[in-house]
């Protein structure tokens, strides 16, 4: 019934099927790997968006802190200038050394 050509074609079909099944299993495994890779890339993209938002927030908060600090430094400089001026005024109008107040570390009599 079977001729030699048909037997040869049947053997080729069996060999092709035997090669095709492992290839199909490898493609399924590759598809799973691809899905995992896609999930990791999506997760990385979300993490990068979160990091970008954090950096922007940090930049804005840092700017606010820097502006507040600058105002406080200017206020401190003004207060220091006022204190220096008051000290100069007080030292210029200070009584002579013989009449110093004992509470300030001086004596009421001359040494």
C-alpha atoms as a PDB file:
ATOM      1  CA  UNK A   1       0.000   0.000   0.000  1.00  0.00           C
ATOM      2  CA  UNK A   2       2.672   2.477   0.976  1.00  0.00           C
ATOM      3  CA  UNK A   3       5.226   3.361  -1.526  1.00  0.00           C
ATOM      4  CA  UNK A   4       8.779   4.268  -0.704  1.00  0.00           C
ATOM      5  CA  UNK A   5       8.109   7.960  -1.391  1.00  0.00           C
ATOM      6  CA  UNK A   6       5.157   7.994   0.986  1.00  0.00           C
ATOM      7  CA  UNK A   7       7.225   6.322   3.697  1.00  0.00           C
ATOM      8  CA  UNK A   8       9.952   8.909   3.167  1.00  0.00           C
ATOM      9  CA  UNK A   9       7.432  11.769   3.380  1.00  0.00           C
ATOM     10  CA  UNK A  10       5.899  10.261   6.519  1.00  0.00           C
ATOM     11  CA  UNK A  11       9.342   9.997   8.146  1.00  0.00           C
ATOM     12  CA  UNK A  12      10.022  13.640   7.232  1.00  0.00           C
ATOM     13  CA  UNK A  13       6.669  14.646   8.782  1.00  0.00           C
ATOM     14  CA  UNK A  14       7.472  12.779  12.006  1.00  0.00           C
ATOM     15  CA  UNK A  15      10.959  14.333  12.157  1.00  0.00           C
ATOM     16  CA  UNK A  16       9.521  17.806  11.539  1.00  0.00           C
ATOM     17  CA  UNK A  17       6.940  17.302  14.290  1.00  0.00           C
ATOM     18  CA  UNK A  18       9.641  16.027  16.645  1.00  0.00           C
ATOM     19  CA  UNK A  19      11.657  19.197  16.013  1.00  0.00           C
ATOM     20  CA  UNK A  20       8.608  21.461  16.179  1.00  0.00           C
ATOM     21  CA  UNK A  21       7.427  20.390  19.673  1.00  0.00           C
ATOM     22  CA  UNK A  22      10.637  21.496  21.508  1.00  0.00           C
ATOM     23  CA  UNK A  23      10.620  24.702  19.475  1.00  0.00           C
ATOM     24  CA  UNK A  24       7.024  25.365  20.545  1.00  0.00           C
ATOM     25  CA  UNK A  25       7.937  24.773  24.212  1.00  0.00           C
ATOM     26  CA  UNK A  26      10.878  27.158  23.898  1.00  0.00           C
ATOM     27  CA  UNK A  27       8.640  29.827  22.370  1.00  0.00           C
ATOM     28  CA  UNK A  28       6.183  29.446  25.271  1.00  0.00           C
ATOM     29  CA  UNK A  29       9.033  29.876  27.748  1.00  0.00           C
ATOM     30  CA  UNK A  30      10.304  32.895  25.804  1.00  0.00           C
ATOM     31  CA  UNK A  31       6.806  34.388  25.938  1.00  0.00           C
ATOM     32  CA  UNK A  32       6.784  34.020  29.741  1.00  0.00           C
ATOM     33  CA  UNK A  33      10.216  35.647  29.955  1.00  0.00           C
ATOM     34  CA  UNK A  34       9.011  38.482  27.754  1.00  0.00           C
ATOM     35  CA  UNK A  35       5.986  39.052  30.016  1.00  0.00           C
ATOM     36  CA  UNK A  36       8.260  39.156  33.080  1.00  0.00           C
ATOM     37  CA  UNK A  37      10.629  41.545  31.325  1.00  0.00           C
ATOM     38  CA  UNK A  38       7.723  43.818  30.340  1.00  0.00           C
ATOM     39  CA  UNK A  39       6.481  43.824  33.950  1.00  0.00           C
ATOM     40  CA  UNK A  40       9.960  44.751  35.205  1.00  0.00           C
ATOM     41  CA  UNK A  41      10.250  47.573  32.677  1.00  0.00           C
ATOM     42  CA  UNK A  42       6.807  48.868  33.684  1.00  0.00           C
ATOM     43  CA  UNK A  43       7.793  48.706  37.360  1.00  0.00           C
ATOM     44  CA  UNK A  44      11.055  50.536  36.607  1.00  0.00           C
ATOM     45  CA  UNK A  45       9.164  53.247  34.730  1.00  0.00           C
ATOM     46  CA  UNK A  46       6.830  53.738  37.697  1.00  0.00           C
ATOM     47  CA  UNK A  47       9.802  53.883  40.056  1.00  0.00           C
ATOM     48  CA  UNK A  48      11.495  56.498  37.864  1.00  0.00           C
ATOM     49  CA  UNK A  49       8.329  58.616  37.804  1.00  0.00           C
ATOM     50  CA  UNK A  50       8.182  58.396  41.606  1.00  0.00           C
ATOM     51  CA  UNK A  51      11.852  59.366  41.876  1.00  0.00           C
ATOM     52  CA  UNK A  52      11.313  62.288  39.524  1.00  0.00           C
ATOM     53  CA  UNK A  53       8.375  63.503  41.606  1.00  0.00           C
ATOM     54  CA  UNK A  54      10.454  63.182  44.778  1.00  0.00           C
ATOM     55  CA  UNK A  55      13.304  65.204  43.261  1.00  0.00           C
ATOM     56  CA  UNK A  56      10.888  67.925  42.138  1.00  0.00           C
ATOM     57  CA  UNK A  57       9.319  68.040  45.593  1.00  0.00           C
ATOM     58  CA  UNK A  58      12.754  68.155  47.210  1.00  0.00           C
ATOM     59  CA  UNK A  59      13.744  71.016  44.890  1.00  0.00           C
ATOM     60  CA  UNK A  60      10.624  73.011  45.729  1.00  0.00           C
ATOM     61  CA  UNK A  61      10.976  72.372  49.464  1.00  0.00           C
ATOM     62  CA  UNK A  62      14.669  73.270  49.297  1.00  0.00           C
ATOM     63  CA  UNK A  63      13.844  76.514  47.542  1.00  0.00           C
ATOM     64  CA  UNK A  64      11.330  77.418  50.271  1.00  0.00           C
ATOM     65  CA  UNK A  65      13.826  76.569  53.012  1.00  0.00           C
ATOM     66  CA  UNK A  66      16.533  78.575  51.252  1.00  0.00           C
ATOM     67  CA  UNK A  67      14.261  81.608  50.940  1.00  0.00           C
ATOM     68  CA  UNK A  68      13.259  81.346  54.631  1.00  0.00           C
ATOM     69  CA  UNK A  69      16.896  80.975  55.643  1.00  0.00           C
ATOM     70  CA  UNK A  70      17.875  83.992  53.558  1.00  0.00           C
ATOM     71  CA  UNK A  71      15.187  86.087  55.259  1.00  0.00           C
ATOM     72  CA  UNK A  72      16.343  84.922  58.683  1.00  0.00           C
ATOM     73  CA  UNK A  73      19.976  85.752  57.843  1.00  0.00           C
ATOM     74  CA  UNK A  74      18.982  89.244  56.732  1.00  0.00           C
ATOM     75  CA  UNK A  75      16.963  89.678  59.925  1.00  0.00           C
ATOM     76  CA  UNK A  76      19.911  88.490  62.020  1.00  0.00           C
ATOM     77  CA  UNK A  77      22.262  90.886  60.203  1.00  0.00           C
ATOM     78  CA  UNK A  78      19.882  93.767  60.896  1.00  0.00           C
ATOM     79  CA  UNK A  79      19.624  92.776  64.566  1.00  0.00           C
ATOM     80  CA  UNK A  80      23.418  92.504  64.798  1.00  0.00           C
ATOM     81  CA  UNK A  81      23.823  95.958  63.248  1.00  0.00           C
ATOM     82  CA  UNK A  82      21.342  97.348  65.780  1.00  0.00           C
ATOM     83  CA  UNK A  83      23.222  95.692  68.645  1.00  0.00           C
ATOM     84  CA  UNK A  84      26.549  97.075  67.398  1.00  0.00           C
ATOM     85  CA  UNK A  85      25.080 100.556  67.105  1.00  0.00           C
ATOM     86  CA  UNK A  86      23.600 100.323  70.608  1.00  0.00           C
ATOM     87  CA  UNK A  87      26.913  99.075  72.000  1.00  0.00           C
ATOM     88  CA  UNK A  88      28.761 101.948  70.384  1.00  0.00           C
ATOM     89  CA  UNK A  89      26.194 104.381  71.768  1.00  0.00           C
ATOM     90  CA  UNK A  90      26.523 102.907  75.250  1.00  0.00           C
ATOM     91  CA  UNK A  91      30.328 102.834  75.222  1.00  0.00           C
ATOM     92  CA  UNK A  92      30.451 106.404  73.954  1.00  0.00           C
ATOM     93  CA  UNK A  93      28.212 107.601  76.793  1.00  0.00           C
ATOM     94  CA  UNK A  94      29.716 105.304  79.477  1.00  0.00           C
ATOM     95  CA  UNK A  95      30.782 106.945  82.765  1.00  0.00           C
ATOM     96  CA  UNK A  96      34.481 107.229  83.552  1.00  0.00           C
ATOM     97  CA  UNK A  97      36.298 104.190  84.934  1.00  0.00           C
ATOM     98  CA  UNK A  98      36.141 105.450  88.552  1.00  0.00           C
ATOM     99  CA  UNK A  99      32.344 105.534  88.657  1.00  0.00           C
ATOM    100  CA  UNK A 100      31.544 102.145  87.192  1.00  0.00           C
ATOM    101  CA  UNK A 101      28.658 100.062  88.498  1.00  0.00           C
ATOM    102  CA  UNK A 102      29.775  97.043  90.623  1.00  0.00           C
ATOM    103  CA  UNK A 103      27.103  94.916  88.947  1.00  0.00           C
ATOM    104  CA  UNK A 104      28.963  95.344  85.681  1.00  0.00           C
ATOM    105  CA  UNK A 105      32.282  94.253  87.183  1.00  0.00           C
ATOM    106  CA  UNK A 106      33.716  97.686  87.986  1.00  0.00           C
ATOM    107  CA  UNK A 107      34.288  99.557  91.258  1.00  0.00           C
ATOM    108  CA  UNK A 108      32.960 102.845  92.498  1.00  0.00           C
ATOM    109  CA  UNK A 109      36.395 104.069  93.616  1.00  0.00           C
ATOM    110  CA  UNK A 110      39.588 104.558  91.710  1.00  0.00           C
ATOM    111  CA  UNK A 111      42.156 101.850  91.976  1.00  0.00           C
END
